[in-house]
Protein backbone atom coordinates (compact mmCIF):
# COMPACT_ATOMS: atom_id res chain seq x y z
CA UNK A 1 45.99 5.26 -15.78
CA UNK A 2 44.59 1.86 -16.80
CA UNK A 3 41.89 -0.14 -15.13
CA UNK A 4 44.46 -2.71 -14.05
CA UNK A 5 46.79 -0.32 -12.26
CA UNK A 6 47.40 -1.54 -8.72
CA UNK A 7 47.80 1.95 -7.36
CA UNK A 8 44.54 3.86 -7.34
CA UNK A 9 43.90 7.52 -6.79
CA UNK A 10 44.72 8.24 -3.16
CA UNK A 11 42.22 9.61 -0.73
CA UNK A 12 42.44 13.36 -0.41
CA UNK A 13 40.39 16.23 0.70
CA UNK A 14 37.48 16.58 -1.69
CA UNK A 15 37.53 12.91 -2.77
CA UNK A 16 35.46 9.82 -1.80
CA UNK A 17 37.35 7.58 0.64
CA UNK A 18 38.38 3.99 -0.04
CA UNK A 19 37.03 2.40 3.16
CA UNK A 20 34.88 -0.61 2.19
CA UNK A 21 35.23 -3.95 0.45
CA UNK A 22 32.56 -5.89 -1.47
CA UNK A 23 30.84 -6.83 1.80
CA UNK A 24 30.20 -3.20 2.58
CA UNK A 25 28.66 -2.64 -0.81
CA UNK A 26 26.62 -5.85 -0.37
CA UNK A 27 25.15 -4.51 2.82
CA UNK A 28 24.43 -1.08 1.34
CA UNK A 29 22.71 -2.89 -1.62
CA UNK A 30 20.76 -5.08 0.80
CA UNK A 31 18.17 -2.32 0.67
CA UNK A 32 17.06 -3.57 -2.76
CA UNK A 33 15.07 -6.71 -1.75
CA UNK A 34 12.66 -4.61 0.35
CA UNK A 35 11.70 -2.78 -2.88
CA UNK A 36 9.36 -5.73 -3.35
CA UNK A 37 7.10 -3.91 -0.79
CA UNK A 38 6.71 -0.95 -3.18
CA UNK A 39 4.80 -2.62 -5.90
CA UNK A 40 3.87 -6.13 -4.78
CA UNK A 41 0.28 -4.96 -4.43
CA UNK A 42 0.23 -3.03 -7.69
CA UNK A 43 1.70 -5.97 -9.65
CA UNK A 44 -0.82 -8.29 -8.05
CA UNK A 45 -3.54 -5.87 -9.19
CA UNK A 46 -2.57 -6.04 -12.87
CA UNK A 47 -0.92 -9.52 -12.94
CA UNK A 48 -3.52 -11.56 -11.00
CA UNK A 49 -2.52 -15.24 -10.85
CA UNK A 50 0.61 -14.77 -12.89
CA UNK A 51 2.01 -12.07 -10.55
CA UNK A 52 4.58 -14.48 -9.02
CA UNK A 53 5.82 -15.43 -12.51
CA UNK A 54 6.28 -11.76 -13.39
CA UNK A 55 8.55 -11.29 -10.36
CA UNK A 56 10.47 -14.46 -11.22
CA UNK A 57 11.18 -13.66 -14.86
CA UNK A 58 12.04 -10.08 -13.99
CA UNK A 59 14.67 -10.90 -11.42
CA UNK A 60 16.29 -13.55 -13.63
CA UNK A 61 16.48 -10.95 -16.40
CA UNK A 62 18.03 -8.50 -14.00
CA UNK A 63 20.66 -11.05 -12.87
CA UNK A 64 21.71 -11.81 -16.45
CA UNK A 65 21.94 -8.04 -17.23
CA UNK A 66 24.13 -7.52 -14.20
CA UNK A 67 27.11 -9.35 -15.74
CA UNK A 68 27.32 -6.60 -18.36
CA UNK A 69 27.46 -4.00 -15.61
CA UNK A 70 30.09 -5.96 -13.65
CA UNK A 71 32.41 -5.97 -16.70
CA UNK A 72 32.19 -2.25 -17.58
CA UNK A 73 32.42 -1.22 -13.90
CA UNK A 74 35.87 -2.91 -13.70
CA UNK A 75 37.12 -0.49 -16.34
CA UNK A 76 36.70 2.44 -14.00
CA UNK A 77 38.29 1.80 -10.55
CA UNK A 78 38.43 5.52 -9.79
CA UNK A 79 34.87 6.41 -10.57
CA UNK A 80 31.78 6.30 -8.37
CA UNK A 81 28.10 6.55 -9.40
CA UNK A 82 27.42 3.17 -10.81
CA UNK A 83 26.76 1.68 -14.21
CA UNK A 84 25.22 4.82 -15.63
CA UNK A 85 28.54 6.62 -15.30
CA UNK A 86 30.56 3.78 -16.76
CA UNK A 87 28.11 3.32 -19.65
CA UNK A 88 27.98 7.02 -20.42
CA UNK A 89 31.64 6.96 -21.29
CA UNK A 90 30.95 4.40 -24.04
CA UNK A 91 28.41 6.64 -25.71
CA UNK A 92 30.54 9.80 -25.41
CA UNK A 93 32.35 9.09 -28.68
CA UNK A 94 29.03 9.09 -30.57
CA UNK A 95 27.23 12.03 -28.96
CA UNK A 96 27.84 14.45 -26.18
CA UNK A 97 24.10 14.48 -25.38
CA UNK A 98 23.43 10.69 -25.25
CA UNK A 99 26.17 10.17 -22.62
CA UNK A 100 24.70 12.41 -19.92
CA UNK A 101 21.31 10.87 -20.61
CA UNK A 102 22.50 7.66 -19.00
CA UNK A 103 23.55 9.48 -15.77
CA UNK A 104 20.38 11.56 -15.65
CA UNK A 105 17.99 8.67 -16.29
CA UNK A 106 19.64 6.52 -13.62
CA UNK A 107 19.36 9.32 -11.05
CA UNK A 108 15.74 10.26 -11.59
CA UNK A 109 14.80 6.56 -11.75
CA UNK A 110 16.41 5.76 -8.38
CA UNK A 111 15.89 8.99 -6.41
CA UNK A 112 12.04 8.49 -5.93
CA UNK A 113 12.89 5.51 -3.75
CA UNK A 114 13.39 8.12 -1.05
CA UNK A 115 9.92 9.70 -1.35
CA UNK A 116 7.98 6.51 -2.23
CA UNK A 117 9.62 4.53 0.54
CA UNK A 118 8.97 7.23 3.07
CA UNK A 119 5.30 7.48 2.08
CA UNK A 120 4.82 3.69 2.50
CA UNK A 121 6.71 3.63 5.81
CA UNK A 122 4.59 6.57 7.01
CA UNK A 123 1.42 4.70 6.01
CA UNK A 124 2.59 1.66 8.04
CA UNK A 125 3.24 3.91 11.06
CA UNK A 126 -0.18 5.48 10.77
CA UNK A 127 -1.82 2.09 10.47
CA UNK A 128 -0.06 1.06 13.66
CA UNK A 129 -0.76 4.20 15.68
CA UNK A 130 -4.11 5.38 14.23
CA UNK A 131 -5.68 2.49 12.35
CA UNK A 132 -8.82 2.93 10.31
CA UNK A 133 -11.50 0.74 12.04
CA UNK A 134 -13.10 -2.06 10.03
CA UNK A 135 -16.86 -2.58 10.14
CA UNK A 136 -19.19 -5.09 8.54
CA UNK A 137 -22.91 -5.15 7.93
CA UNK A 138 -23.40 -7.03 11.25
CA UNK A 139 -21.28 -4.70 13.34
CA UNK A 140 -23.32 -3.20 16.25
CA UNK A 141 -22.42 0.32 15.16
CA UNK A 142 -23.70 -0.39 11.59
CA UNK A 143 -26.92 -2.01 12.87
CA UNK A 144 -27.50 1.02 15.14
CA UNK A 145 -26.90 3.41 12.18
CA UNK A 146 -29.37 1.52 10.01
CA UNK A 147 -31.98 1.68 12.76
CA UNK A 148 -31.50 5.42 13.14
CA UNK A 149 -31.38 6.11 9.41
CA UNK A 150 -34.25 4.17 7.78
CA UNK A 151 -33.84 3.50 4.05
CA UNK A 152 -30.05 3.62 4.12
CA UNK A 153 -28.30 0.69 2.41
CA UNK A 154 -25.97 -1.52 4.41
CA UNK A 155 -22.95 -0.48 2.25
CA UNK A 156 -23.68 3.21 2.80
CA UNK A 157 -24.04 2.56 6.50
CA UNK A 158 -20.64 0.87 6.69
CA UNK A 159 -19.09 3.77 4.78
CA UNK A 160 -20.67 6.38 7.09
CA UNK A 161 -19.79 4.58 10.33
CA UNK A 162 -16.21 4.02 9.11
CA UNK A 163 -15.85 7.70 8.24
CA UNK A 164 -17.16 8.79 11.64
CA UNK A 165 -14.78 6.42 13.54
CA UNK A 166 -11.65 7.23 11.44
CA UNK A 167 -9.03 9.12 13.48
CA UNK A 168 -8.80 12.79 12.46
CA UNK A 169 -5.05 12.49 11.62
CA UNK A 170 -5.94 10.12 8.78
CA UNK A 171 -7.89 12.77 6.90
CA UNK A 172 -6.05 15.98 8.08
CA UNK A 173 -3.92 17.91 5.61
CA UNK A 174 -2.27 21.31 5.78
CA UNK A 175 -2.80 21.84 2.08
CA UNK A 176 -3.84 19.85 -0.97
CA UNK A 177 -4.19 20.51 -4.63
CA UNK A 178 -4.36 18.86 -8.06
CA UNK A 179 -1.54 19.23 -10.48
CA UNK A 180 -2.11 17.81 -13.97
CA UNK A 181 -2.50 14.03 -13.75
CA UNK A 182 -1.66 13.89 -10.06
CA UNK A 183 -2.43 15.50 -6.73
CA UNK A 184 -0.21 16.62 -3.89
CA UNK A 185 -0.93 16.82 -0.18
CA UNK A 186 0.87 18.04 2.91
CA UNK A 187 -0.91 15.46 5.06
CA UNK A 188 0.24 13.35 8.02
CA UNK A 189 1.90 10.85 5.68
CA UNK A 190 3.97 13.67 4.17
CA UNK A 191 5.20 14.97 7.57
CA UNK A 192 6.08 11.57 8.96
CA UNK A 193 7.82 10.72 5.71
CA UNK A 194 9.86 13.89 5.83
CA UNK A 195 11.13 13.08 9.31
CA UNK A 196 12.15 9.62 8.11
CA UNK A 197 13.99 11.13 5.17
CA UNK A 198 15.91 13.57 7.41
CA UNK A 199 16.92 10.67 9.66
CA UNK A 200 18.35 8.89 6.65
CA UNK A 201 20.31 11.96 5.66
CA UNK A 202 21.82 12.23 9.13
CA UNK A 203 23.10 8.61 8.98
CA UNK A 204 24.70 9.08 5.52
CA UNK A 205 26.28 12.40 6.41
CA UNK A 206 29.14 10.42 8.07
CA UNK A 207 30.27 8.68 4.87
CA UNK A 208 30.00 5.26 3.20
CA UNK A 209 31.70 3.30 5.97
CA UNK A 210 29.30 4.56 8.57
CA UNK A 211 26.41 3.88 6.15
CA UNK A 212 27.59 0.33 5.51
CA UNK A 213 27.99 -0.43 9.18
CA UNK A 214 24.47 0.81 9.95
CA UNK A 215 23.00 -1.05 7.00
CA UNK A 216 24.70 -4.31 8.05
CA UNK A 217 22.78 -4.29 11.29
CA UNK A 218 19.56 -3.09 9.74
CA UNK A 219 20.00 -5.45 6.78
CA UNK A 220 20.18 -8.47 9.06
CA UNK A 221 17.10 -7.31 10.91
CA UNK A 222 15.23 -7.01 7.58
CA UNK A 223 16.49 -9.85 5.44
CA UNK A 224 15.91 -12.48 8.11
CA UNK A 225 12.20 -11.58 8.60
CA UNK A 226 11.72 -11.44 4.83
CA UNK A 227 13.07 -15.00 4.67
CA UNK A 228 10.80 -16.04 7.48
CA UNK A 229 7.84 -14.48 5.71
CA UNK A 230 8.77 -16.30 2.52
CA UNK A 231 9.43 -19.68 4.12
CA UNK A 232 7.06 -20.00 7.07
CA UNK A 233 3.81 -20.23 5.07
CA UNK A 234 5.29 -23.05 3.02
CA UNK A 235 6.41 -25.01 6.04
CA UNK A 236 3.14 -24.46 7.93
CA UNK A 237 0.98 -25.44 4.93
CA UNK A 238 -0.72 -22.06 4.53
CA UNK A 239 0.04 -21.94 0.78
CA UNK A 240 -3.00 -22.85 -1.27
CA UNK A 241 -1.66 -24.22 -4.61
CA UNK A 242 -4.99 -23.42 -6.29
CA UNK A 243 -4.12 -19.73 -5.97
CA UNK A 244 -1.68 -20.11 -8.90
CA UNK A 245 -4.28 -21.14 -11.42
CA UNK A 246 -5.70 -20.57 -13.91
CA UNK A 247 -2.39 -19.26 -15.27
CA UNK A 248 -3.93 -16.46 -17.33
CA UNK A 249 -3.87 -12.67 -17.11
CA UNK A 250 -6.78 -10.75 -15.66
CA UNK A 251 -9.62 -9.57 -17.91
CA UNK A 252 -9.19 -6.07 -16.49
CA UNK A 253 -6.83 -4.50 -13.90
CA UNK A 254 -7.85 -4.79 -10.27
CA UNK A 255 -10.81 -7.03 -11.10
CA UNK A 256 -10.82 -10.78 -10.05
CA UNK A 257 -12.23 -12.13 -13.39
CA UNK A 258 -9.64 -14.22 -15.27
CA UNK A 259 -8.89 -13.13 -18.82
CA UNK A 260 -6.94 -14.75 -21.65
CA UNK A 261 -3.61 -14.46 -23.46
CA UNK A 262 -4.93 -11.88 -25.90
CA UNK A 263 -3.52 -8.43 -26.65
CA UNK A 264 -5.34 -6.90 -23.67
CA UNK A 265 -4.00 -9.66 -21.39
CA UNK A 266 -0.45 -9.29 -22.63
CA UNK A 267 -0.66 -5.55 -22.14
CA UNK A 268 -1.38 -6.06 -18.41
CA UNK A 269 1.46 -8.60 -18.16
CA UNK A 270 3.86 -6.20 -19.86
CA UNK A 271 2.66 -3.48 -17.47
CA UNK A 272 3.62 -5.78 -14.58
CA UNK A 273 7.03 -6.58 -16.14
CA UNK A 274 7.61 -2.82 -16.69
CA UNK A 275 7.04 -1.89 -13.05
CA UNK A 276 8.74 -5.01 -11.56
CA UNK A 277 11.97 -4.02 -13.38
CA UNK A 278 12.25 -0.90 -11.22
CA UNK A 279 12.66 -3.13 -8.19
CA UNK A 280 14.30 -6.29 -9.44
CA UNK A 281 17.10 -4.70 -11.53
CA UNK A 282 18.02 -2.48 -8.67
CA UNK A 283 20.91 -4.45 -7.15
CA UNK A 284 23.15 -3.01 -9.91
CA UNK A 285 23.59 -0.24 -7.34
CA UNK A 286 26.23 -2.47 -5.79
CA UNK A 287 28.71 -1.10 -8.31
CA UNK A 288 28.04 2.50 -7.38
CA UNK A 289 30.84 2.36 -4.85
CA UNK A 290 33.84 1.34 -7.02
CA UNK A 291 35.62 4.51 -6.12
CA UNK A 292 35.18 3.57 -2.42
CA UNK A 293 36.36 -0.05 -2.70
CA UNK A 294 39.71 -0.93 -1.14
CA UNK A 295 40.38 -3.29 -4.02
CA UNK A 296 37.99 -2.42 -6.91
CA UNK A 297 39.50 -5.15 -9.21
CA UNK A 298 38.10 -7.95 -7.13
CA UNK A 299 35.38 -6.15 -5.00
CA UNK A 300 33.31 -4.90 -7.99
CA UNK A 301 32.25 -8.24 -9.44
CA UNK A 302 31.76 -9.85 -5.98
CA UNK A 303 29.52 -7.00 -4.79
CA UNK A 304 27.06 -7.22 -7.68
CA UNK A 305 27.20 -11.09 -7.99
CA UNK A 306 26.32 -11.77 -4.33
CA UNK A 307 23.82 -8.96 -4.19
CA UNK A 308 22.13 -10.58 -7.21
CA UNK A 309 21.94 -13.94 -5.55
CA UNK A 310 20.28 -12.47 -2.49
CA UNK A 311 17.73 -10.69 -4.69
CA UNK A 312 16.94 -13.76 -6.72
CA UNK A 313 16.04 -15.64 -3.48
CA UNK A 314 13.82 -12.95 -1.96
CA UNK A 315 12.19 -11.55 -5.15
CA UNK A 316 11.00 -15.07 -6.02
CA UNK A 317 10.17 -16.40 -2.59
CA UNK A 318 8.22 -13.47 -1.08
CA UNK A 319 5.80 -12.84 -4.03
CA UNK A 320 5.30 -16.65 -4.34
CA UNK A 321 4.17 -17.13 -0.77
CA UNK A 322 2.29 -13.81 -0.74
CA UNK A 323 0.19 -14.98 -3.58
CA UNK A 324 -0.16 -18.52 -2.23
CA UNK A 325 -1.60 -17.37 1.08
CA UNK A 326 -3.71 -14.39 0.06
CA UNK A 327 -5.12 -15.64 -3.27
CA UNK A 328 -6.47 -13.44 -6.06
CA UNK A 329 -9.22 -11.78 -4.04
CA UNK A 330 -6.86 -11.07 -1.12
CA UNK A 331 -4.26 -9.52 -3.45
CA UNK A 332 -6.86 -7.30 -5.05
CA UNK A 333 -8.05 -5.79 -1.71
CA UNK A 334 -7.57 -2.03 -1.61
CA UNK A 335 -5.06 -1.94 1.24
CA UNK A 336 -2.87 -4.44 -0.70
CA UNK A 337 -3.08 -2.67 -4.01
CA UNK A 338 -2.26 0.79 -2.60
CA UNK A 339 0.51 -0.72 -0.43
CA UNK A 340 -0.72 0.49 2.96
CA UNK A 341 -1.80 -3.00 4.11
CA UNK A 342 1.10 -5.09 2.79
CA UNK A 343 2.97 -5.09 6.16
CA UNK A 344 -0.14 -6.29 7.96
CA UNK A 345 -0.69 -9.03 5.43
CA UNK A 346 2.91 -10.25 5.55
CA UNK A 347 2.85 -10.23 9.34
CA UNK A 348 -0.37 -12.27 9.43
CA UNK A 349 1.20 -14.86 7.13
CA UNK A 350 3.69 -15.70 9.79
CA UNK A 351 1.04 -16.26 12.49
CA UNK A 352 1.65 -15.60 16.15
CA UNK A 353 -0.08 -13.13 18.45
CA UNK A 354 -0.32 -9.36 18.35
CA UNK A 355 3.17 -8.82 19.67
CA UNK A 356 4.69 -10.86 16.76
CA UNK A 357 2.53 -8.99 14.27
CA UNK A 358 3.59 -5.60 15.71
CA UNK A 359 7.27 -6.63 15.68
CA UNK A 360 7.09 -7.77 12.04
CA UNK A 361 5.38 -4.52 11.03
CA UNK A 362 8.17 -2.56 12.65
CA UNK A 363 10.66 -4.69 10.76
CA UNK A 364 8.90 -3.91 7.55
CA UNK A 365 9.28 -0.29 8.34
CA UNK A 366 12.96 -0.88 8.86
CA UNK A 367 13.04 -2.65 5.49
CA UNK A 368 11.73 0.50 3.81
CA UNK A 369 14.26 2.63 5.64
CA UNK A 370 16.94 0.28 4.35
CA UNK A 371 15.75 0.84 0.80
CA UNK A 372 15.74 4.57 1.38
CA UNK A 373 19.37 4.50 2.70
CA UNK A 374 20.44 2.37 -0.28
CA UNK A 375 18.80 4.86 -2.72
CA UNK A 376 20.30 7.97 -1.11
CA UNK A 377 23.73 6.41 -1.06
CA UNK A 378 23.58 5.45 -4.71
CA UNK A 379 21.83 8.46 -6.21
CA UNK A 380 23.93 10.96 -4.38
CA UNK A 381 27.08 9.30 -5.82
CA UNK A 382 25.59 9.33 -9.25
CA UNK A 383 25.07 13.11 -8.97
CA UNK A 384 28.57 13.51 -7.50
CA UNK A 385 30.35 11.58 -10.26
CA UNK A 386 28.21 13.26 -12.91
CA UNK A 387 29.48 16.62 -11.63
CA UNK A 388 33.10 15.42 -11.37
CA UNK A 389 33.03 14.16 -14.98
CA UNK A 390 31.45 17.30 -16.41
CA UNK A 391 27.84 16.07 -16.93
CA UNK A 392 26.08 17.99 -14.14
CA UNK A 393 26.62 21.34 -12.35
CA UNK A 394 29.89 21.69 -10.46
CA UNK A 395 28.37 22.33 -7.09
CA UNK A 396 27.31 18.66 -6.85
CA UNK A 397 31.03 17.54 -6.72
CA UNK A 398 31.56 18.66 -3.15
CA UNK A 399 32.18 16.09 -0.33
CA UNK A 400 32.46 16.66 3.35
CA UNK A 401 35.26 15.59 5.75
CA UNK A 402 33.77 12.11 5.93
CA UNK A 403 33.87 11.63 2.19
CA UNK A 404 30.07 12.02 1.85
CA UNK A 405 28.78 13.87 -1.20
CA UNK A 406 26.65 16.21 0.91
CA UNK A 407 25.55 18.66 -1.74
CA UNK A 408 24.28 15.87 -3.86
CA UNK A 409 22.51 14.45 -0.81
CA UNK A 410 20.86 17.80 -0.11
CA UNK A 411 19.69 17.94 -3.74
CA UNK A 412 18.26 14.45 -3.38
CA UNK A 413 16.48 15.52 -0.17
CA UNK A 414 14.94 18.70 -1.52
CA UNK A 415 13.73 17.05 -4.75
CA UNK A 416 12.17 14.16 -2.85
CA UNK A 417 10.31 16.41 -0.40
CA UNK A 418 8.43 17.71 -3.41
CA UNK A 419 7.90 14.20 -4.76
CA UNK A 420 6.79 12.98 -1.32
CA UNK A 421 3.93 15.50 -1.27
CA UNK A 422 2.67 13.90 -4.55
CA UNK A 423 3.18 10.34 -3.39
CA UNK A 424 1.32 11.02 -0.17
CA UNK A 425 -1.84 12.12 -1.92
CA UNK A 426 -3.25 8.77 -3.19
CA UNK A 427 -2.36 5.48 -4.92
CA UNK A 428 -2.89 7.00 -8.39
CA UNK A 429 -0.25 9.63 -7.74
CA UNK A 430 2.08 7.07 -6.21
CA UNK A 431 2.06 4.77 -9.20
CA UNK A 432 2.29 7.69 -11.59
CA UNK A 433 5.61 8.69 -9.98
CA UNK A 434 6.78 5.09 -10.00
CA UNK A 435 5.93 4.72 -13.73
CA UNK A 436 7.57 7.98 -14.70
CA UNK A 437 10.71 7.07 -12.78
CA UNK A 438 10.81 3.69 -14.45
CA UNK A 439 10.76 5.15 -17.89
CA UNK A 440 14.11 6.69 -16.94
CA UNK A 441 15.31 3.42 -15.54
CA UNK A 442 14.41 1.45 -18.65
CA UNK A 443 16.27 4.04 -20.88
CA UNK A 444 19.27 3.90 -18.54
CA UNK A 445 19.27 0.06 -18.83
CA UNK A 446 18.94 0.21 -22.61
CA UNK A 447 21.92 2.55 -22.97
CA UNK A 448 24.11 0.64 -20.52
CA UNK A 449 23.37 -2.80 -21.78
CA UNK A 450 24.44 -1.65 -25.22
CA UNK A 451 27.50 0.14 -23.66
CA UNK A 452 28.84 -3.32 -22.93
CA UNK A 453 29.50 -4.21 -26.54
CA UNK A 454 30.44 -0.64 -27.43
CA UNK A 455 33.19 -0.70 -24.80
CA UNK A 456 34.26 -4.12 -26.21
CA UNK A 457 34.71 -2.55 -29.69
CA UNK A 458 36.20 0.85 -28.75
CA UNK A 459 38.12 -0.18 -25.64
CA UNK A 460 38.82 -3.82 -26.33
CA UNK A 461 42.55 -3.34 -25.76
CA UNK A 462 42.02 -2.58 -22.04
CA UNK A 463 42.28 -5.72 -19.88
CA UNK A 464 39.13 -6.30 -17.78
CA UNK A 465 39.45 -7.33 -14.10
CA UNK A 466 36.37 -9.50 -14.93
CA UNK A 467 35.21 -10.27 -18.43
CA UNK A 468 31.62 -11.41 -19.01
CA UNK A 469 31.09 -14.41 -21.29
CA UNK A 470 30.15 -13.15 -24.71
CA UNK A 471 26.81 -14.99 -24.66
CA UNK A 472 25.86 -13.09 -21.51
CA UNK A 473 26.76 -9.84 -23.05
CA UNK A 474 24.66 -10.72 -26.09
CA UNK A 475 21.74 -11.74 -23.86
CA UNK A 476 21.93 -8.36 -22.09
CA UNK A 477 21.80 -6.61 -25.48
CA UNK A 478 18.64 -8.57 -26.44
CA UNK A 479 17.14 -7.75 -23.03
CA UNK A 480 17.76 -4.05 -23.81
CA UNK A 481 15.13 -4.29 -26.57
CA UNK A 482 12.82 -6.51 -24.49
CA UNK A 483 12.84 -3.70 -21.84
CA UNK A 484 11.95 -1.21 -24.60
CA UNK A 485 8.84 -3.32 -25.20
CA UNK A 486 7.97 -3.27 -21.46
CA UNK A 487 8.26 0.53 -21.52
CA UNK A 488 6.25 1.14 -24.70
CA UNK A 489 3.49 -1.27 -23.74
CA UNK A 490 3.54 -1.22 -19.99
CA UNK A 491 3.82 2.41 -18.91
CA UNK A 492 0.26 3.20 -20.01
CA UNK A 493 -1.07 0.46 -17.66
CA UNK A 494 -0.22 2.73 -14.69
CA UNK A 495 -1.21 6.05 -16.20
CA UNK A 496 -2.09 7.16 -19.74
CA UNK A 497 0.38 10.03 -19.45
CA UNK A 498 3.23 8.09 -17.81
CA UNK A 499 5.25 7.27 -20.94
CA UNK A 500 5.10 10.83 -22.33
CA UNK A 501 5.75 12.41 -18.89
CA UNK A 502 8.79 10.11 -18.57
CA UNK A 503 10.17 11.12 -21.93
CA UNK A 504 9.63 14.81 -20.99
CA UNK A 505 11.51 14.30 -17.75
CA UNK A 506 14.35 12.61 -19.71
CA UNK A 507 14.63 15.70 -21.98
CA UNK A 508 15.32 17.97 -18.93
CA UNK A 509 18.98 16.84 -19.01
CA UNK A 510 19.59 18.83 -22.21
CA UNK A 511 19.53 22.33 -20.69
CA UNK A 512 21.27 21.06 -17.47
CA UNK A 513 24.11 19.52 -19.50
CA UNK A 514 24.36 22.54 -21.79
CA UNK A 515 24.78 24.81 -18.78
CA UNK A 516 27.60 22.75 -17.34
CA UNK A 517 29.41 21.85 -20.56
CA UNK A 518 29.16 25.03 -22.59
CA UNK A 519 28.84 27.75 -19.88
CA UNK A 520 30.78 26.39 -16.93
CA UNK A 521 33.42 24.38 -18.90
CA UNK A 522 33.65 26.24 -22.22
CA UNK A 523 32.76 23.19 -24.32
CA UNK A 524 35.52 20.87 -22.91
CA UNK A 525 35.35 17.94 -20.54
CA UNK A 526 37.55 17.73 -17.37
CA UNK A 527 40.95 16.26 -18.17
CA UNK A 528 40.60 13.47 -15.62
CA UNK A 529 37.26 12.16 -17.00
CA UNK A 530 38.91 9.59 -19.29
CA UNK A 531 41.95 8.74 -17.14
CA UNK A 532 40.71 5.24 -16.35
CA UNK A 533 40.72 4.43 -20.00
CA UNK A 534 44.10 5.98 -20.66
CA UNK A 535 42.46 8.36 -23.13
CA UNK A 536 42.30 12.06 -23.78
CA UNK A 537 39.46 14.08 -25.37
CA UNK A 538 41.15 13.88 -28.75
CA UNK A 539 40.79 10.06 -28.66
CA UNK A 540 37.02 10.48 -28.74
CA UNK A 541 37.17 11.05 -32.48
CA UNK A 542 37.98 7.36 -32.96
CA UNK A 543 34.62 5.58 -33.53
CA UNK A 544 35.37 1.98 -34.18
CA UNK A 545 31.70 0.96 -33.90
CA UNK A 546 30.80 3.23 -36.77
CA UNK A 547 27.04 3.59 -37.32
CA UNK A 548 26.06 0.69 -35.04
CA UNK A 549 25.35 2.76 -31.88
CA UNK A 550 23.13 5.16 -33.88
CA UNK A 551 21.25 2.30 -35.54
CA UNK A 552 20.80 0.74 -32.09
CA UNK A 553 19.16 3.94 -30.78
CA UNK A 554 16.84 4.21 -33.76
CA UNK A 555 15.87 0.51 -33.47
CA UNK A 556 15.20 0.96 -29.72
CA UNK A 557 12.92 3.92 -30.37
CA UNK A 558 11.00 2.09 -33.10
CA UNK A 559 10.53 -1.00 -30.89
CA UNK A 560 9.16 1.17 -28.01
CA UNK A 561 6.74 3.09 -30.30
CA UNK A 562 5.51 -0.08 -31.98
CA UNK A 563 4.89 -1.70 -28.61
CA UNK A 564 2.98 1.37 -27.48
CA UNK A 565 0.78 1.20 -30.59
CA UNK A 566 0.15 -2.49 -30.70
CA UNK A 567 -0.50 -3.40 -27.04
CA UNK A 568 -3.77 -1.79 -25.89
CA UNK A 569 -6.47 -2.64 -23.43
């Protein structure tokens, strides 16, 4: 069966259902713009006055890269799971072990959206229901404390009074412990986040059409306020244009002193570019639903193109006004850096009374839930297609009567409950998870951007529903190596162990794949895996690209290691 066949695999028991067009995928992917809330504080903390430029460059790179994904997705009208699945097939001729790496890296890069999003949403809820009181040196409570405790400094008095007035639920935990470079805690954030995650699971249990319908409503409730937050401060004159200069990196992370464009400064910038990619490139999830499109030939390109335009608008606009209103010192405040105060800050930018602020905070919580639903929809289908195609254990290939890959969804849920306990502990643990996940995402992008030209060489005879201009395909290939620089130089900005922990997590696919391929399948791939290309397993011996894919992998590794060695604080 070729990619251009007009008759696609019919819906049947045990298959995903063709129930949406590109608009449905657009609304499911509308959960990507709120990902700006995950790291807008962190990138401000390492980027300083150039934070808005980091977001701008990153989303423009992501948009250019998406054209490669749009082309290769069109080759596989009967597959779900997104670009990682489509790109894995390109690498299969050259190594059985490189191909599943793409699927695995995409999954473990995206799945933490569930846990990280739930932890932020839970923090917003706690801030609304049980806020930590704010005191200054002139507050009556602090003055009284100083009078009763002679010799105490004003700073210590503020700390003591704040601790005494903090609601118990903010410090309560059922259990907490340290685990290597991170901690984990079963605190209030964890339990609230777990409830939010279960609610998301319940919505998605009824299939992609139900999910798309819910996300259309929630998406409108979220995208419109984000636009208001991005536009209103400009219209009302709240933006201070001096907050964009001097256009230099920080001297040190989370400190307001300006630095210079030296090696240390570039290291911080590359750290910002590294973590921004995890959010800005994410709209490629729009092609996860090719197997569920009514007309994949036309819907696939439209889904990723229009999702990309929406992301360009919001990923540029929101960080720009955020920085213009808050300024450097405002962005470096602890509640902004750790993410817990971002909703309050965005709400205050719009103005209005307490009711407006409360409403906008609730909409920010909805925005995070939208991201969580997008992530669960995409990652569960990546696991599902990986199982169908012989990369991952068979049990993940099950779907329910609504066409929802429920076993993959349960796997996502269970894994993320564990990750949620880590993310709930503190900001250090949160960004460690984010950095490790993004190592997988950068590797996935590297493999799939290069899969574009590999498919052109090996499967050039197959007519594409949409063919990317060659210069865009070449630009995506160059960006694959630029991303390798981001990873090698930038991961250490968030945690000294992040890069190596990320590479160790990548290696976990080897025993998983060996179990499926050699034990469950006896060393052979399922017959249907290559149907979309009109190929059989015997055709995999034809390697028209020769040594080029191997040289590309070696070059990518060298670029990453050199960047890690050269860029230091």
